[in-house]
């Protein structure tokens, strides 16, 4: 996961964007068979560089979706983008087993 965070950061820097905020969530959000890691970002640069950054994100080796995207033009004409980049990974066998046990325990009658 650390490599992917570096790739996202490098995609922005490679396009000349300035990161004002890059904050991965403290914990992953667990689902039935995958985990989601939201990363709050704020980058500033030109409109075209923002588009190229979004394109670069779409080409990463893992799925990364840009959510809650908000663009605002600064007084100097630069664009600031606030977004939540969400990346996903499959749960490993141990994590799946823990989830199944937790679900089974939750359904068991309480004594």
PDB file of N, CA and C in Angstrom:
ATOM      1  N   UNK A   1       0.820  -1.190   0.000  1.00  0.00           N
ATOM      2  CA  UNK A   1       0.000   0.000   0.000  1.00  0.00           C
ATOM      3  C   UNK A   1       0.870   1.261   0.000  1.00  0.00           C
ATOM      4  N   UNK A   2       2.017   1.199   0.699  1.00  0.00           N
ATOM      5  CA  UNK A   2       2.895   2.372   0.734  1.00  0.00           C
ATOM      6  C   UNK A   2       3.377   2.752  -0.661  1.00  0.00           C
ATOM      7  N   UNK A   3       3.632   1.731  -1.481  1.00  0.00           N
ATOM      8  CA  UNK A   3       4.087   1.985  -2.856  1.00  0.00           C
ATOM      9  C   UNK A   3       3.015   2.725  -3.657  1.00  0.00           C
ATOM     10  N   UNK A   4       1.767   2.336  -3.455  1.00  0.00           N
ATOM     11  CA  UNK A   4       0.674   2.996  -4.165  1.00  0.00           C
ATOM     12  C   UNK A   4       0.544   4.454  -3.727  1.00  0.00           C
ATOM     13  N   UNK A   5       0.683   4.722  -2.439  1.00  0.00           N
ATOM     14  CA  UNK A   5       0.624   6.098  -1.941  1.00  0.00           C
ATOM     15  C   UNK A   5       1.726   6.935  -2.581  1.00  0.00           C
ATOM     16  N   UNK A   6       2.898   6.338  -2.712  1.00  0.00           N
ATOM     17  CA  UNK A   6       4.016   7.028  -3.371  1.00  0.00           C
ATOM     18  C   UNK A   6       3.683   7.290  -4.835  1.00  0.00           C
ATOM     19  N   UNK A   7       3.070   6.304  -5.504  1.00  0.00           N
ATOM     20  CA  UNK A   7       2.704   6.468  -6.917  1.00  0.00           C
ATOM     21  C   UNK A   7       1.710   7.612  -7.116  1.00  0.00           C
ATOM     22  N   UNK A   8       0.733   7.718  -6.225  1.00  0.00           N
ATOM     23  CA  UNK A   8      -0.249   8.815  -6.319  1.00  0.00           C
ATOM     24  C   UNK A   8       0.458  10.154  -6.143  1.00  0.00           C
ATOM     25  N   UNK A   9       1.309  10.228  -5.142  1.00  0.00           N
ATOM     26  CA  UNK A   9       2.056  11.453  -4.888  1.00  0.00           C
ATOM     27  C   UNK A   9       2.935  11.814  -6.082  1.00  0.00           C
ATOM     28  N   UNK A  10       3.625  10.831  -6.640  1.00  0.00           N
ATOM     29  CA  UNK A  10       4.511  11.078  -7.777  1.00  0.00           C
ATOM     30  C   UNK A  10       3.730  11.489  -9.027  1.00  0.00           C
ATOM     31  N   UNK A  11       2.511  10.947  -9.186  1.00  0.00           N
ATOM     32  CA  UNK A  11       1.682  11.342 -10.334  1.00  0.00           C
ATOM     33  C   UNK A  11       1.382  12.835 -10.283  1.00  0.00           C
ATOM     34  N   UNK A  12       1.095  13.343  -9.099  1.00  0.00           N
ATOM     35  CA  UNK A  12       0.831  14.781  -8.958  1.00  0.00           C
ATOM     36  C   UNK A  12       2.075  15.621  -9.136  1.00  0.00           C
ATOM     37  N   UNK A  13       3.140  15.216  -8.482  1.00  0.00           N
ATOM     38  CA  UNK A  13       4.388  15.981  -8.586  1.00  0.00           C
ATOM     39  C   UNK A  13       4.926  15.963 -10.004  1.00  0.00           C
ATOM     40  N   UNK A  14       4.767  14.830 -10.686  1.00  0.00           N
ATOM     41  CA  UNK A  14       5.232  14.708 -12.065  1.00  0.00           C
ATOM     42  C   UNK A  14       4.505  15.632 -13.023  1.00  0.00           C
ATOM     43  N   UNK A  15       3.307  16.040 -12.652  1.00  0.00           N
ATOM     44  CA  UNK A  15       2.525  16.978 -13.472  1.00  0.00           C
ATOM     45  C   UNK A  15       2.679  18.420 -13.002  1.00  0.00           C
ATOM     46  N   UNK A  16       3.571  18.641 -12.054  1.00  0.00           N
ATOM     47  CA  UNK A  16       3.824  20.000 -11.584  1.00  0.00           C
ATOM     48  C   UNK A  16       2.797  20.504 -10.583  1.00  0.00           C
ATOM     49  N   UNK A  17       2.005  19.611 -10.029  1.00  0.00           N
ATOM     50  CA  UNK A  17       1.012  20.018  -9.035  1.00  0.00           C
ATOM     51  C   UNK A  17       1.671  20.140  -7.670  1.00  0.00           C
ATOM     52  N   UNK A  18       1.145  21.040  -6.860  1.00  0.00           N
ATOM     53  CA  UNK A  18       1.643  21.198  -5.504  1.00  0.00           C
ATOM     54  C   UNK A  18       0.627  20.600  -4.543  1.00  0.00           C
ATOM     55  N   UNK A  19       1.073  19.642  -3.738  1.00  0.00           N
ATOM     56  CA  UNK A  19       0.202  19.035  -2.736  1.00  0.00           C
ATOM     57  C   UNK A  19       0.154  19.929  -1.509  1.00  0.00           C
ATOM     58  N   UNK A  20      -1.035  20.329  -1.150  1.00  0.00           N
ATOM     59  CA  UNK A  20      -1.237  21.076   0.088  1.00  0.00           C
ATOM     60  C   UNK A  20      -1.717  20.139   1.186  1.00  0.00           C
ATOM     61  N   UNK A  21      -2.311  19.014   0.778  1.00  0.00           N
ATOM     62  CA  UNK A  21      -2.805  18.028   1.733  1.00  0.00           C
ATOM     63  C   UNK A  21      -2.723  16.651   1.090  1.00  0.00           C
ATOM     64  N   UNK A  22      -2.193  15.700   1.816  1.00  0.00           N
ATOM     65  CA  UNK A  22      -2.140  14.300   1.390  1.00  0.00           C
ATOM     66  C   UNK A  22      -2.265  13.483   2.660  1.00  0.00           C
ATOM     67  N   UNK A  23      -3.502  13.069   2.974  1.00  0.00           N
ATOM     68  CA  UNK A  23      -3.765  12.458   4.274  1.00  0.00           C
ATOM     69  C   UNK A  23      -4.496  11.128   4.118  1.00  0.00           C
ATOM     70  N   UNK A  24      -3.752  10.009   4.146  1.00  0.00           N
ATOM     71  CA  UNK A  24      -4.423   8.705   4.149  1.00  0.00           C
ATOM     72  C   UNK A  24      -5.187   8.524   5.458  1.00  0.00           C
ATOM     73  N   UNK A  25      -6.322   7.840   5.401  1.00  0.00           N
ATOM     74  CA  UNK A  25      -7.093   7.562   6.611  1.00  0.00           C
ATOM     75  C   UNK A  25      -6.262   6.695   7.547  1.00  0.00           C
ATOM     76  N   UNK A  26      -6.538   6.801   8.835  1.00  0.00           N
ATOM     77  CA  UNK A  26      -5.791   6.032   9.829  1.00  0.00           C
ATOM     78  C   UNK A  26      -6.062   4.537   9.705  1.00  0.00           C
ATOM     79  N   UNK A  27      -7.279   4.181   9.302  1.00  0.00           N
ATOM     80  CA  UNK A  27      -7.633   2.772   9.155  1.00  0.00           C
ATOM     81  C   UNK A  27      -8.372   2.561   7.840  1.00  0.00           C
ATOM     82  N   UNK A  28      -8.312   1.336   7.355  1.00  0.00           N
ATOM     83  CA  UNK A  28      -9.038   0.969   6.147  1.00  0.00           C
ATOM     84  C   UNK A  28     -10.502   0.699   6.496  1.00  0.00           C
ATOM     85  N   UNK A  29     -11.376   0.938   5.536  1.00  0.00           N
ATOM     86  CA  UNK A  29     -12.780   0.570   5.665  1.00  0.00           C
ATOM     87  C   UNK A  29     -12.920  -0.848   5.101  1.00  0.00           C
ATOM     88  N   UNK A  30     -13.366  -1.771   5.937  1.00  0.00           N
ATOM     89  CA  UNK A  30     -13.467  -3.166   5.522  1.00  0.00           C
ATOM     90  C   UNK A  30     -14.853  -3.458   4.963  1.00  0.00           C
ATOM     91  N   UNK A  31     -14.886  -4.181   3.866  1.00  0.00           N
ATOM     92  CA  UNK A  31     -16.129  -4.650   3.261  1.00  0.00           C
ATOM     93  C   UNK A  31     -16.080  -6.175   3.249  1.00  0.00           C
ATOM     94  N   UNK A  32     -17.024  -6.793   2.553  1.00  0.00           N
ATOM     95  CA  UNK A  32     -17.124  -8.250   2.573  1.00  0.00           C
ATOM     96  C   UNK A  32     -15.861  -8.946   2.079  1.00  0.00           C
ATOM     97  N   UNK A  33     -15.285  -8.474   0.974  1.00  0.00           N
ATOM     98  CA  UNK A  33     -14.117  -9.154   0.410  1.00  0.00           C
ATOM     99  C   UNK A  33     -13.001  -8.189   0.020  1.00  0.00           C
ATOM    100  N   UNK A  34     -13.140  -6.922   0.371  1.00  0.00           N
ATOM    101  CA  UNK A  34     -12.094  -5.962   0.041  1.00  0.00           C
ATOM    102  C   UNK A  34     -11.967  -4.917   1.149  1.00  0.00           C
ATOM    103  N   UNK A  35     -10.866  -4.197   1.101  1.00  0.00           N
ATOM    104  CA  UNK A  35     -10.627  -3.081   2.016  1.00  0.00           C
ATOM    105  C   UNK A  35     -10.445  -1.821   1.176  1.00  0.00           C
ATOM    106  N   UNK A  36     -10.937  -0.721   1.700  1.00  0.00           N
ATOM    107  CA  UNK A  36     -10.882   0.568   1.007  1.00  0.00           C
ATOM    108  C   UNK A  36     -10.074   1.532   1.861  1.00  0.00           C
ATOM    109  N   UNK A  37      -9.137   2.213   1.245  1.00  0.00           N
ATOM    110  CA  UNK A  37      -8.349   3.219   1.950  1.00  0.00           C
ATOM    111  C   UNK A  37      -8.613   4.576   1.313  1.00  0.00           C
ATOM    112  N   UNK A  38      -9.319   5.473   2.016  1.00  0.00           N
ATOM    113  CA  UNK A  38      -9.521   6.825   1.482  1.00  0.00           C
ATOM    114  C   UNK A  38      -8.321   7.725   1.807  1.00  0.00           C
ATOM    115  N   UNK A  39      -7.974   8.558   0.847  1.00  0.00           N
ATOM    116  CA  UNK A  39      -6.863   9.499   0.998  1.00  0.00           C
ATOM    117  C   UNK A  39      -7.392  10.881   0.636  1.00  0.00           C
ATOM    118  N   UNK A  40      -7.413  11.767   1.604  1.00  0.00           N
ATOM    119  CA  UNK A  40      -7.867  13.129   1.359  1.00  0.00           C
ATOM    120  C   UNK A  40      -6.708  13.912   0.746  1.00  0.00           C
ATOM    121  N   UNK A  41      -6.988  14.545  -0.409  1.00  0.00           N
ATOM    122  CA  UNK A  41      -5.927  15.303  -1.079  1.00  0.00           C
ATOM    123  C   UNK A  41      -6.408  16.704  -1.438  1.00  0.00           C
ATOM    124  N   UNK A  42      -5.458  17.606  -1.504  1.00  0.00           N
ATOM    125  CA  UNK A  42      -5.680  18.953  -2.039  1.00  0.00           C
ATOM    126  C   UNK A  42      -4.445  19.298  -2.843  1.00  0.00           C
ATOM    127  N   UNK A  43      -4.653  19.540  -4.130  1.00  0.00           N
ATOM    128  CA  UNK A  43      -3.542  19.877  -5.021  1.00  0.00           C
ATOM    129  C   UNK A  43      -3.871  21.169  -5.757  1.00  0.00           C
ATOM    130  N   UNK A  44      -2.824  21.895  -6.099  1.00  0.00           N
ATOM    131  CA  UNK A  44      -2.980  23.151  -6.825  1.00  0.00           C
ATOM    132  C   UNK A  44      -2.104  23.119  -8.067  1.00  0.00           C
ATOM    133  N   UNK A  45      -2.659  23.615  -9.162  1.00  0.00           N
ATOM    134  CA  UNK A  45      -1.927  23.676 -10.419  1.00  0.00           C
ATOM    135  C   UNK A  45      -2.838  24.161 -11.526  1.00  0.00           C
ATOM    136  N   UNK A  46      -2.446  23.904 -12.771  1.00  0.00           N
ATOM    137  CA  UNK A  46      -3.252  24.346 -13.904  1.00  0.00           C
ATOM    138  C   UNK A  46      -4.365  23.343 -14.181  1.00  0.00           C
ATOM    139  N   UNK A  47      -5.366  23.790 -14.879  1.00  0.00           N
ATOM    140  CA  UNK A  47      -6.511  22.949 -15.220  1.00  0.00           C
ATOM    141  C   UNK A  47      -6.059  21.716 -16.015  1.00  0.00           C
ATOM    142  N   UNK A  48      -5.200  21.923 -16.993  1.00  0.00           N
ATOM    143  CA  UNK A  48      -4.738  20.821 -17.830  1.00  0.00           C
ATOM    144  C   UNK A  48      -3.878  19.827 -17.042  1.00  0.00           C
ATOM    145  N   UNK A  49      -3.083  20.345 -16.103  1.00  0.00           N
ATOM    146  CA  UNK A  49      -2.293  19.452 -15.256  1.00  0.00           C
ATOM    147  C   UNK A  49      -3.199  18.613 -14.349  1.00  0.00           C
ATOM    148  N   UNK A  50      -4.316  19.186 -13.909  1.00  0.00           N
ATOM    149  CA  UNK A  50      -5.285  18.419 -13.104  1.00  0.00           C
ATOM    150  C   UNK A  50      -5.859  17.266 -13.932  1.00  0.00           C
ATOM    151  N   UNK A  51      -6.203  17.541 -15.163  1.00  0.00           N
ATOM    152  CA  UNK A  51      -6.733  16.504 -16.041  1.00  0.00           C
ATOM    153  C   UNK A  51      -5.714  15.417 -16.307  1.00  0.00           C
ATOM    154  N   UNK A  52      -4.465  15.813 -16.533  1.00  0.00           N
ATOM    155  CA  UNK A  52      -3.398  14.840 -16.775  1.00  0.00           C
ATOM    156  C   UNK A  52      -3.152  13.996 -15.512  1.00  0.00           C
ATOM    157  N   UNK A  53      -3.241  14.624 -14.345  1.00  0.00           N
ATOM    158  CA  UNK A  53      -3.088  13.909 -13.075  1.00  0.00           C
ATOM    159  C   UNK A  53      -4.189  12.858 -12.928  1.00  0.00           C
ATOM    160  N   UNK A  54      -5.430  13.242 -13.202  1.00  0.00           N
ATOM    161  CA  UNK A  54      -6.546  12.292 -13.120  1.00  0.00           C
ATOM    162  C   UNK A  54      -6.328  11.135 -14.097  1.00  0.00           C
ATOM    163  N   UNK A  55      -5.833  11.431 -15.278  1.00  0.00           N
ATOM    164  CA  UNK A  55      -5.543  10.386 -16.262  1.00  0.00           C
ATOM    165  C   UNK A  55      -4.439   9.456 -15.758  1.00  0.00           C
ATOM    166  N   UNK A  56      -3.390  10.035 -15.175  1.00  0.00           N
ATOM    167  CA  UNK A  56      -2.302   9.227 -14.629  1.00  0.00           C
ATOM    168  C   UNK A  56      -2.791   8.320 -13.499  1.00  0.00           C
ATOM    169  N   UNK A  57      -3.686   8.838 -12.666  1.00  0.00           N
ATOM    170  CA  UNK A  57      -4.249   8.049 -11.567  1.00  0.00           C
ATOM    171  C   UNK A  57      -4.998   6.835 -12.132  1.00  0.00           C
ATOM    172  N   UNK A  58      -5.708   7.038 -13.235  1.00  0.00           N
ATOM    173  CA  UNK A  58      -6.489   5.942 -13.821  1.00  0.00           C
ATOM    174  C   UNK A  58      -5.603   4.832 -14.387  1.00  0.00           C
ATOM    175  N   UNK A  59      -4.332   5.124 -14.601  1.00  0.00           N
ATOM    176  CA  UNK A  59      -3.415   4.148 -15.198  1.00  0.00           C
ATOM    177  C   UNK A  59      -2.537   3.435 -14.170  1.00  0.00           C
ATOM    178  N   UNK A  60      -2.757   3.688 -12.894  1.00  0.00           N
ATOM    179  CA  UNK A  60      -1.948   3.037 -11.865  1.00  0.00           C
ATOM    180  C   UNK A  60      -2.252   1.540 -11.812  1.00  0.00           C
ATOM    181  N   UNK A  61      -1.359   0.795 -11.195  1.00  0.00           N
ATOM    182  CA  UNK A  61      -1.499  -0.662 -11.157  1.00  0.00           C
ATOM    183  C   UNK A  61      -2.671  -1.130 -10.291  1.00  0.00           C
ATOM    184  N   UNK A  62      -3.128  -0.304  -9.372  1.00  0.00           N
ATOM    185  CA  UNK A  62      -4.302  -0.621  -8.551  1.00  0.00           C
ATOM    186  C   UNK A  62      -5.425   0.330  -8.897  1.00  0.00           C
ATOM    187  N   UNK A  63      -6.624  -0.082  -8.541  1.00  0.00           N
ATOM    188  CA  UNK A  63      -7.781   0.782  -8.766  1.00  0.00           C
ATOM    189  C   UNK A  63      -7.718   1.947  -7.786  1.00  0.00           C
ATOM    190  N   UNK A  64      -7.783   3.152  -8.320  1.00  0.00           N
ATOM    191  CA  UNK A  64      -7.865   4.370  -7.508  1.00  0.00           C
ATOM    192  C   UNK A  64      -8.955   5.223  -8.132  1.00  0.00           C
ATOM    193  N   UNK A  65      -9.949   5.568  -7.334  1.00  0.00           N
ATOM    194  CA  UNK A  65     -11.039   6.420  -7.808  1.00  0.00           C
ATOM    195  C   UNK A  65     -10.958   7.768  -7.118  1.00  0.00           C
ATOM    196  N   UNK A  66     -11.180   8.826  -7.867  1.00  0.00           N
ATOM    197  CA  UNK A  66     -11.250  10.162  -7.292  1.00  0.00           C
ATOM    198  C   UNK A  66     -12.713  10.469  -6.993  1.00  0.00           C
ATOM    199  N   UNK A  67     -13.020  10.715  -5.728  1.00  0.00           N
ATOM    200  CA  UNK A  67     -14.380  10.973  -5.277  1.00  0.00           C
ATOM    201  C   UNK A  67     -14.478  12.365  -4.674  1.00  0.00           C
ATOM    202  N   UNK A  68     -15.705  12.868  -4.582  1.00  0.00           N
ATOM    203  CA  UNK A  68     -15.972  14.155  -3.934  1.00  0.00           C
ATOM    204  C   UNK A  68     -15.064  15.263  -4.468  1.00  0.00           C
ATOM    205  N   UNK A  69     -14.888  15.300  -5.768  1.00  0.00           N
ATOM    206  CA  UNK A  69     -13.986  16.258  -6.404  1.00  0.00           C
ATOM    207  C   UNK A  69     -14.613  17.647  -6.412  1.00  0.00           C
ATOM    208  N   UNK A  70     -13.846  18.617  -5.947  1.00  0.00           N
ATOM    209  CA  UNK A  70     -14.255  20.016  -5.985  1.00  0.00           C
ATOM    210  C   UNK A  70     -13.104  20.834  -6.548  1.00  0.00           C
ATOM    211  N   UNK A  71     -13.407  21.636  -7.572  1.00  0.00           N
ATOM    212  CA  UNK A  71     -12.406  22.506  -8.187  1.00  0.00           C
ATOM    213  C   UNK A  71     -12.746  23.954  -7.870  1.00  0.00           C
ATOM    214  N   UNK A  72     -11.723  24.731  -7.591  1.00  0.00           N
ATOM    215  CA  UNK A  72     -11.922  26.159  -7.337  1.00  0.00           C
ATOM    216  C   UNK A  72     -10.748  26.915  -7.941  1.00  0.00           C
ATOM    217  N   UNK A  73     -11.061  28.057  -8.555  1.00  0.00           N
ATOM    218  CA  UNK A  73     -10.000  28.884  -9.135  1.00  0.00           C
ATOM    219  C   UNK A  73      -9.507  29.871  -8.088  1.00  0.00           C
ATOM    220  N   UNK A  74      -8.197  29.964  -7.948  1.00  0.00           N
ATOM    221  CA  UNK A  74      -7.586  30.897  -7.012  1.00  0.00           C
ATOM    222  C   UNK A  74      -7.491  32.282  -7.651  1.00  0.00           C
ATOM    223  N   UNK A  75      -7.152  33.261  -6.865  1.00  0.00           N
ATOM    224  CA  UNK A  75      -7.019  34.626  -7.369  1.00  0.00           C
ATOM    225  C   UNK A  75      -5.943  34.747  -8.441  1.00  0.00           C
ATOM    226  N   UNK A  76      -4.917  33.900  -8.354  1.00  0.00           N
ATOM    227  CA  UNK A  76      -3.826  33.954  -9.335  1.00  0.00           C
ATOM    228  C   UNK A  76      -4.115  33.129 -10.586  1.00  0.00           C
ATOM    229  N   UNK A  77      -5.319  32.541 -10.680  1.00  0.00           N
ATOM    230  CA  UNK A  77      -5.704  31.781 -11.860  1.00  0.00           C
ATOM    231  C   UNK A  77      -5.433  30.288 -11.760  1.00  0.00           C
ATOM    232  N   UNK A  78      -4.695  29.875 -10.736  1.00  0.00           N
ATOM    233  CA  UNK A  78      -4.439  28.440 -10.545  1.00  0.00           C
ATOM    234  C   UNK A  78      -5.724  27.762 -10.058  1.00  0.00           C
ATOM    235  N   UNK A  79      -5.779  26.456 -10.238  1.00  0.00           N
ATOM    236  CA  UNK A  79      -6.931  25.665  -9.811  1.00  0.00           C
ATOM    237  C   UNK A  79      -6.528  24.844  -8.594  1.00  0.00           C
ATOM    238  N   UNK A  80      -7.415  24.797  -7.612  1.00  0.00           N
ATOM    239  CA  UNK A  80      -7.219  23.923  -6.460  1.00  0.00           C
ATOM    240  C   UNK A  80      -8.264  22.825  -6.521  1.00  0.00           C
ATOM    241  N   UNK A  81      -7.815  21.592  -6.392  1.00  0.00           N
ATOM    242  CA  UNK A  81      -8.722  20.452  -6.377  1.00  0.00           C
ATOM    243  C   UNK A  81      -8.688  19.795  -5.008  1.00  0.00           C
ATOM    244  N   UNK A  82      -9.859  19.695  -4.396  1.00  0.00           N
ATOM    245  CA  UNK A  82     -10.038  18.898  -3.189  1.00  0.00           C
ATOM    246  C   UNK A  82     -10.732  17.619  -3.617  1.00  0.00           C
ATOM    247  N   UNK A  83     -10.229  16.477  -3.152  1.00  0.00           N
ATOM    248  CA  UNK A  83     -10.822  15.194  -3.534  1.00  0.00           C
ATOM    249  C   UNK A  83     -10.471  14.145  -2.491  1.00  0.00           C
ATOM    250  N   UNK A  84     -11.183  13.036  -2.586  1.00  0.00           N
ATOM    251  CA  UNK A  84     -10.850  11.858  -1.805  1.00  0.00           C
ATOM    252  C   UNK A  84     -10.500  10.764  -2.809  1.00  0.00           C
ATOM    253  N   UNK A  85      -9.237  10.364  -2.795  1.00  0.00           N
ATOM    254  CA  UNK A  85      -8.797   9.259  -3.642  1.00  0.00           C
ATOM    255  C   UNK A  85      -9.016   7.984  -2.837  1.00  0.00           C
ATOM    256  N   UNK A  86      -9.758   7.047  -3.416  1.00  0.00           N
ATOM    257  CA  UNK A  86     -10.025   5.787  -2.731  1.00  0.00           C
ATOM    258  C   UNK A  86      -9.339   4.661  -3.494  1.00  0.00           C
ATOM    259  N   UNK A  87      -8.563   3.890  -2.762  1.00  0.00           N
ATOM    260  CA  UNK A  87      -7.908   2.738  -3.342  1.00  0.00           C
ATOM    261  C   UNK A  87      -8.396   1.478  -2.639  1.00  0.00           C
ATOM    262  N   UNK A  88      -8.340   0.389  -3.346  1.00  0.00           N
ATOM    263  CA  UNK A  88      -8.938  -0.858  -2.875  1.00  0.00           C
ATOM    264  C   UNK A  88      -7.931  -1.991  -2.955  1.00  0.00           C
ATOM    265  N   UNK A  89      -8.136  -2.994  -2.099  1.00  0.00           N
ATOM    266  CA  UNK A  89      -7.352  -4.218  -2.165  1.00  0.00           C
ATOM    267  C   UNK A  89      -8.230  -5.364  -1.685  1.00  0.00           C
ATOM    268  N   UNK A  90      -7.964  -6.553  -2.212  1.00  0.00           N
ATOM    269  CA  UNK A  90      -8.671  -7.740  -1.755  1.00  0.00           C
ATOM    270  C   UNK A  90      -8.173  -8.121  -0.370  1.00  0.00           C
ATOM    271  N   UNK A  91      -9.069  -8.642   0.443  1.00  0.00           N
ATOM    272  CA  UNK A  91      -8.672  -9.152   1.747  1.00  0.00           C
ATOM    273  C   UNK A  91      -7.930 -10.474   1.565  1.00  0.00           C
ATOM    274  N   UNK A  92      -6.925 -10.705   2.402  1.00  0.00           N
ATOM    275  CA  UNK A  92      -6.219 -11.979   2.330  1.00  0.00           C
ATOM    276  C   UNK A  92      -7.027 -13.055   3.055  1.00  0.00           C
ATOM    277  N   UNK A  93      -6.586 -14.285   2.967  1.00  0.00           N
ATOM    278  CA  UNK A  93      -7.329 -15.418   3.540  1.00  0.00           C
ATOM    279  C   UNK A  93      -7.543 -15.268   5.041  1.00  0.00           C
ATOM    280  N   UNK A  94      -6.534 -14.774   5.740  1.00  0.00           N
ATOM    281  CA  UNK A  94      -6.649 -14.592   7.190  1.00  0.00           C
ATOM    282  C   UNK A  94      -7.713 -13.542   7.530  1.00  0.00           C
ATOM    283  N   UNK A  95      -7.727 -12.447   6.796  1.00  0.00           N
ATOM    284  CA  UNK A  95      -8.728 -11.395   7.027  1.00  0.00           C
ATOM    285  C   UNK A  95     -10.134 -11.895   6.723  1.00  0.00           C
ATOM    286  N   UNK A  96     -10.278 -12.672   5.641  1.00  0.00           N
ATOM    287  CA  UNK A  96     -11.581 -13.238   5.305  1.00  0.00           C
ATOM    288  C   UNK A  96     -12.062 -14.189   6.396  1.00  0.00           C
ATOM    289  N   UNK A  97     -11.170 -15.014   6.906  1.00  0.00           N
ATOM    290  CA  UNK A  97     -11.525 -15.952   7.973  1.00  0.00           C
ATOM    291  C   UNK A  97     -11.964 -15.203   9.226  1.00  0.00           C
ATOM    292  N   UNK A  98     -11.264 -14.129   9.576  1.00  0.00           N
ATOM    293  CA  UNK A  98     -11.650 -13.316  10.741  1.00  0.00           C
ATOM    294  C   UNK A  98     -13.036 -12.729  10.560  1.00  0.00           C
ATOM    295  N   UNK A  99     -13.327 -12.224   9.348  1.00  0.00           N
ATOM    296  CA  UNK A  99     -14.643 -11.641   9.086  1.00  0.00           C
ATOM    297  C   UNK A  99     -15.734 -12.700   9.185  1.00  0.00           C
ATOM    298  N   UNK A 100     -15.497 -13.882   8.635  1.00  0.00           N
ATOM    299  CA  UNK A 100     -16.492 -14.952   8.705  1.00  0.00           C
ATOM    300  C   UNK A 100     -16.745 -15.353  10.150  1.00  0.00           C
ATOM    301  N   UNK A 101     -15.682 -15.441  10.949  1.00  0.00           N
ATOM    302  CA  UNK A 101     -15.835 -15.796  12.361  1.00  0.00           C
ATOM    303  C   UNK A 101     -16.613 -14.716  13.096  1.00  0.00           C
ATOM    304  N   UNK A 102     -16.307 -13.455  12.822  1.00  0.00           N
ATOM    305  CA  UNK A 102     -17.021 -12.357  13.478  1.00  0.00           C
ATOM    306  C   UNK A 102     -18.496 -12.367  13.106  1.00  0.00           C
ATOM    307  N   UNK A 103     -18.797 -12.647  11.843  1.00  0.00           N
ATOM    308  CA  UNK A 103     -20.202 -12.706  11.404  1.00  0.00           C
ATOM    309  C   UNK A 103     -20.913 -13.880  12.067  1.00  0.00           C
ATOM    310  N   UNK A 104     -20.222 -15.006  12.174  1.00  0.00           N
ATOM    311  CA  UNK A 104     -20.816 -16.181  12.811  1.00  0.00           C
ATOM    312  C   UNK A 104     -21.063 -15.907  14.289  1.00  0.00           C
ATOM    313  N   UNK A 105     -20.091 -15.294  14.949  1.00  0.00           N
ATOM    314  CA  UNK A 105     -20.234 -14.965  16.366  1.00  0.00           C
ATOM    315  C   UNK A 105     -21.368 -13.978  16.611  1.00  0.00           C
ATOM    316  N   UNK A 106     -21.571 -13.057  15.678  1.00  0.00           N
ATOM    317  CA  UNK A 106     -22.632 -12.068  15.821  1.00  0.00           C
ATOM    318  C   UNK A 106     -24.016 -12.709  15.689  1.00  0.00           C
ATOM    319  N   UNK A 107     -24.108 -13.793  14.896  1.00  0.00           N
ATOM    320  CA  UNK A 107     -25.386 -14.478  14.706  1.00  0.00           C
ATOM    321  C   UNK A 107     -25.681 -15.480  15.816  1.00  0.00           C
ATOM    322  N   UNK A 108     -24.658 -15.895  16.532  1.00  0.00           N
ATOM    323  CA  UNK A 108     -24.840 -16.899  17.592  1.00  0.00           C
ATOM    324  C   UNK A 108     -25.712 -16.325  18.706  1.00  0.00           C
ATOM    325  N   UNK A 109     -26.620 -17.140  19.268  1.00  0.00           N
ATOM    326  CA  UNK A 109     -27.475 -16.657  20.362  1.00  0.00           C
ATOM    327  C   UNK A 109     -26.634 -16.288  21.588  1.00  0.00           C
ATOM    328  N   UNK A 110     -26.997 -15.231  22.213  1.00  0.00           N
ATOM    329  CA  UNK A 110     -26.293 -14.763  23.414  1.00  0.00           C
ATOM    330  C   UNK A 110     -26.798 -15.545  24.619  1.00  0.00           C
ATOM    331  N   UNK A 111     -25.897 -15.865  25.510  1.00  0.00           N
ATOM    332  CA  UNK A 111     -26.266 -16.617  26.714  1.00  0.00           C
ATOM    333  C   UNK A 111     -26.395 -15.719  27.891  1.00  0.00           C
TER     334      UNK A 111
END
